[in-house]
């Protein structure tokens, strides 16, 4: 008896769910959503600070460098923007060189995926890789996770982003403040 009650209950629940989904689908707007692609690439500069006493800070001490390191690079960004407004979906690659004030070139690359809201606030997350001992023949890459928050201000077709980035790895944590600019270039429409 319990088994037949369970079967009847499941059958009724399945029937209600099917009817509800069917009614919802009939009431949905079947129009296409149009998107526009924008290119917001441009130069970036900033400063990175290595926090705490860890493997990263030991590497900097061994190389005769301080905890604060300059960053210079280029920000490659593609945005998908809904034509009717709403959040923008962002994919970005940011290659940077750090440590020039110490006579060093420390290359790094971050690939982030995120979202930018109409207010200009943005969030992104993705992998980061930084070269260790890039001037030596046995250079290795250190993978890490980068999480960024910030805000982009638009002024006359120029985007002015301000971003705070936390990069975490087993070797230590570092925080970066990055600024830059980009002239908005609009691409094709995606339907």
Protein backbone atom coordinates (compact mmCIF):
# COMPACT_ATOMS: atom_id res chain seq x y z
CA UNK A 1 0.00 0.00 0.00
CA UNK A 2 2.81 2.43 0.82
CA UNK A 3 4.46 1.77 -2.53
CA UNK A 4 1.28 2.50 -4.51
CA UNK A 5 0.74 5.73 -2.54
CA UNK A 6 4.29 6.80 -3.36
CA UNK A 7 3.80 5.99 -7.06
CA UNK A 8 0.53 7.97 -7.19
CA UNK A 9 2.16 10.93 -5.42
CA UNK A 10 5.11 10.92 -7.84
CA UNK A 11 2.77 10.64 -10.85
CA UNK A 12 0.66 13.58 -9.65
CA UNK A 13 3.78 15.67 -8.92
CA UNK A 14 5.21 14.85 -12.35
CA UNK A 15 1.91 15.78 -14.02
CA UNK A 16 1.71 19.11 -12.18
CA UNK A 17 5.36 19.93 -13.00
CA UNK A 18 4.84 19.09 -16.68
CA UNK A 19 1.69 21.22 -16.91
CA UNK A 20 3.39 24.12 -15.13
CA UNK A 21 6.46 23.98 -17.38
CA UNK A 22 4.29 23.80 -20.49
CA UNK A 23 2.20 26.80 -19.40
CA UNK A 24 5.35 28.76 -18.55
CA UNK A 25 6.90 28.00 -21.92
CA UNK A 26 3.78 29.20 -23.74
CA UNK A 27 3.89 32.50 -21.87
CA UNK A 28 7.60 33.09 -22.52
CA UNK A 29 8.77 35.76 -24.91
CA UNK A 30 10.20 33.84 -27.87
CA UNK A 31 11.88 36.93 -29.33
CA UNK A 32 15.59 36.88 -29.84
CA UNK A 33 17.95 38.68 -27.50
CA UNK A 34 20.43 40.80 -29.41
CA UNK A 35 23.94 41.38 -28.14
CA UNK A 36 26.67 43.76 -29.13
CA UNK A 37 30.36 42.98 -28.82
CA UNK A 38 32.75 45.69 -27.60
CA UNK A 39 36.51 45.85 -27.39
CA UNK A 40 37.80 47.68 -24.30
CA UNK A 41 41.51 46.92 -24.61
CA UNK A 42 44.07 49.40 -23.38
CA UNK A 43 47.17 50.05 -21.26
CA UNK A 44 47.32 49.21 -17.56
CA UNK A 45 49.67 50.19 -14.77
CA UNK A 46 49.69 49.62 -11.06
CA UNK A 47 51.45 48.32 -8.02
CA UNK A 48 51.53 44.88 -6.39
CA UNK A 49 52.22 44.27 -2.72
CA UNK A 50 53.30 40.84 -1.44
CA UNK A 51 51.65 40.20 1.94
CA UNK A 52 53.09 38.32 4.90
CA UNK A 53 56.21 36.26 5.41
CA UNK A 54 56.09 33.43 2.88
CA UNK A 55 57.85 31.91 -0.10
CA UNK A 56 57.03 34.90 -2.33
CA UNK A 57 58.48 37.42 0.13
CA UNK A 58 61.58 35.20 0.56
CA UNK A 59 62.05 35.16 -3.23
CA UNK A 60 61.83 38.97 -3.31
CA UNK A 61 64.37 39.28 -0.46
CA UNK A 62 66.76 36.89 -2.23
CA UNK A 63 66.49 38.99 -5.44
CA UNK A 64 67.11 42.25 -3.53
CA UNK A 65 63.58 43.52 -4.16
CA UNK A 66 61.05 45.14 -1.86
CA UNK A 67 57.49 43.99 -1.16
CA UNK A 68 55.97 46.64 -3.46
CA UNK A 69 56.46 46.02 -7.19
CA UNK A 70 55.44 48.17 -10.16
CA UNK A 71 53.23 46.65 -12.88
CA UNK A 72 52.97 47.71 -16.53
CA UNK A 73 51.00 45.94 -19.22
CA UNK A 74 48.12 45.77 -21.63
CA UNK A 75 44.55 44.71 -20.98
CA UNK A 76 42.83 42.75 -23.77
CA UNK A 77 39.09 42.73 -23.16
CA UNK A 78 36.02 41.58 -25.03
CA UNK A 79 32.53 42.34 -23.80
CA UNK A 80 29.18 40.95 -24.78
CA UNK A 81 26.52 43.57 -24.04
CA UNK A 82 22.75 42.96 -24.23
CA UNK A 83 21.21 45.58 -26.57
CA UNK A 84 18.35 46.27 -24.15
CA UNK A 85 20.70 46.92 -21.23
CA UNK A 86 21.76 44.78 -18.33
CA UNK A 87 25.02 43.24 -17.18
CA UNK A 88 27.94 42.89 -19.55
CA UNK A 89 29.79 39.59 -19.83
CA UNK A 90 33.54 40.11 -19.91
CA UNK A 91 36.55 37.98 -20.87
CA UNK A 92 39.96 39.54 -20.42
CA UNK A 93 43.64 38.67 -20.69
CA UNK A 94 46.15 40.89 -18.93
CA UNK A 95 49.87 40.35 -19.60
CA UNK A 96 52.05 42.48 -17.32
CA UNK A 97 55.69 43.10 -16.51
CA UNK A 98 56.68 43.87 -12.95
CA UNK A 99 59.78 44.92 -11.04
CA UNK A 100 61.32 47.35 -13.53
CA UNK A 101 62.29 49.71 -10.69
CA UNK A 102 64.57 46.90 -9.43
CA UNK A 103 66.07 46.29 -12.88
CA UNK A 104 64.01 43.10 -13.29
CA UNK A 105 61.33 41.92 -15.71
CA UNK A 106 58.86 39.65 -13.96
CA UNK A 107 56.27 38.57 -16.55
CA UNK A 108 52.78 37.58 -15.51
CA UNK A 109 49.51 36.76 -17.23
CA UNK A 110 45.95 36.73 -15.90
CA UNK A 111 42.94 35.34 -17.74
CA UNK A 112 39.70 36.45 -16.08
CA UNK A 113 36.05 35.93 -16.79
CA UNK A 114 33.50 38.15 -15.13
CA UNK A 115 30.61 40.51 -15.20
CA UNK A 116 30.26 44.30 -15.29
CA UNK A 117 27.01 45.86 -14.14
CA UNK A 118 25.45 48.97 -15.75
CA UNK A 119 26.59 50.98 -12.70
CA UNK A 120 30.21 50.23 -13.66
CA UNK A 121 30.93 47.86 -10.78
CA UNK A 122 32.69 44.71 -11.91
CA UNK A 123 33.87 41.33 -10.67
CA UNK A 124 36.13 38.75 -12.28
CA UNK A 125 37.99 35.58 -11.44
CA UNK A 126 40.49 33.38 -13.24
CA UNK A 127 43.95 31.85 -13.40
CA UNK A 128 47.15 33.81 -13.03
CA UNK A 129 50.64 32.63 -13.89
CA UNK A 130 53.85 34.45 -12.96
CA UNK A 131 57.39 33.54 -13.99
CA UNK A 132 59.84 32.76 -11.21
CA UNK A 133 63.49 33.68 -11.85
CA UNK A 134 62.76 34.84 -15.42
CA UNK A 135 66.36 35.99 -15.92
CA UNK A 136 67.76 32.52 -15.20
CA UNK A 137 67.78 29.61 -17.62
CA UNK A 138 65.64 27.48 -15.27
CA UNK A 139 62.65 29.82 -15.14
CA UNK A 140 59.43 28.23 -13.89
CA UNK A 141 55.85 29.40 -13.81
CA UNK A 142 53.78 29.72 -10.65
CA UNK A 143 50.02 29.26 -11.09
CA UNK A 144 47.62 31.14 -8.83
CA UNK A 145 44.02 32.30 -8.62
CA UNK A 146 43.20 35.97 -9.26
CA UNK A 147 40.00 37.56 -7.97
CA UNK A 148 39.29 41.16 -9.00
CA UNK A 149 36.72 43.76 -8.01
CA UNK A 150 36.49 47.30 -9.27
CA UNK A 151 34.62 50.00 -11.02
CA UNK A 152 34.86 51.44 -14.51
CA UNK A 153 33.99 55.07 -15.10
CA UNK A 154 32.97 56.22 -18.57
CA UNK A 155 33.91 59.68 -19.71
CA UNK A 156 33.14 60.69 -23.30
CA UNK A 157 33.62 57.19 -24.75
CA UNK A 158 36.73 56.48 -22.67
CA UNK A 159 36.56 53.77 -20.00
CA UNK A 160 38.62 54.44 -16.86
CA UNK A 161 38.85 51.22 -14.78
CA UNK A 162 40.06 51.02 -11.18
CA UNK A 163 40.62 47.45 -9.97
CA UNK A 164 41.73 45.75 -6.79
CA UNK A 165 43.10 42.23 -7.41
CA UNK A 166 43.84 39.52 -4.84
CA UNK A 167 46.10 36.72 -6.11
CA UNK A 168 46.34 33.62 -3.93
CA UNK A 169 48.62 30.60 -4.20
CA UNK A 170 50.32 28.15 -1.82
CA UNK A 171 53.47 30.32 -2.03
CA UNK A 172 51.68 33.42 -0.66
CA UNK A 173 49.21 36.18 -1.35
CA UNK A 174 49.60 39.45 -3.14
CA UNK A 175 47.28 42.34 -3.76
CA UNK A 176 47.43 44.70 -6.74
CA UNK A 177 45.85 48.05 -7.52
CA UNK A 178 45.57 48.48 -11.30
CA UNK A 179 44.36 51.50 -13.32
CA UNK A 180 44.22 52.27 -17.01
CA UNK A 181 42.04 53.47 -19.85
CA UNK A 182 40.39 52.16 -22.98
CA UNK A 183 38.64 53.84 -25.88
CA UNK A 184 35.43 51.95 -26.56
CA UNK A 185 35.30 50.26 -29.96
CA UNK A 186 32.05 48.56 -30.90
CA UNK A 187 32.02 45.43 -33.01
CA UNK A 188 29.35 43.38 -34.68
CA UNK A 189 25.90 42.46 -33.43
CA UNK A 190 25.26 38.88 -32.31
CA UNK A 191 21.73 37.52 -32.65
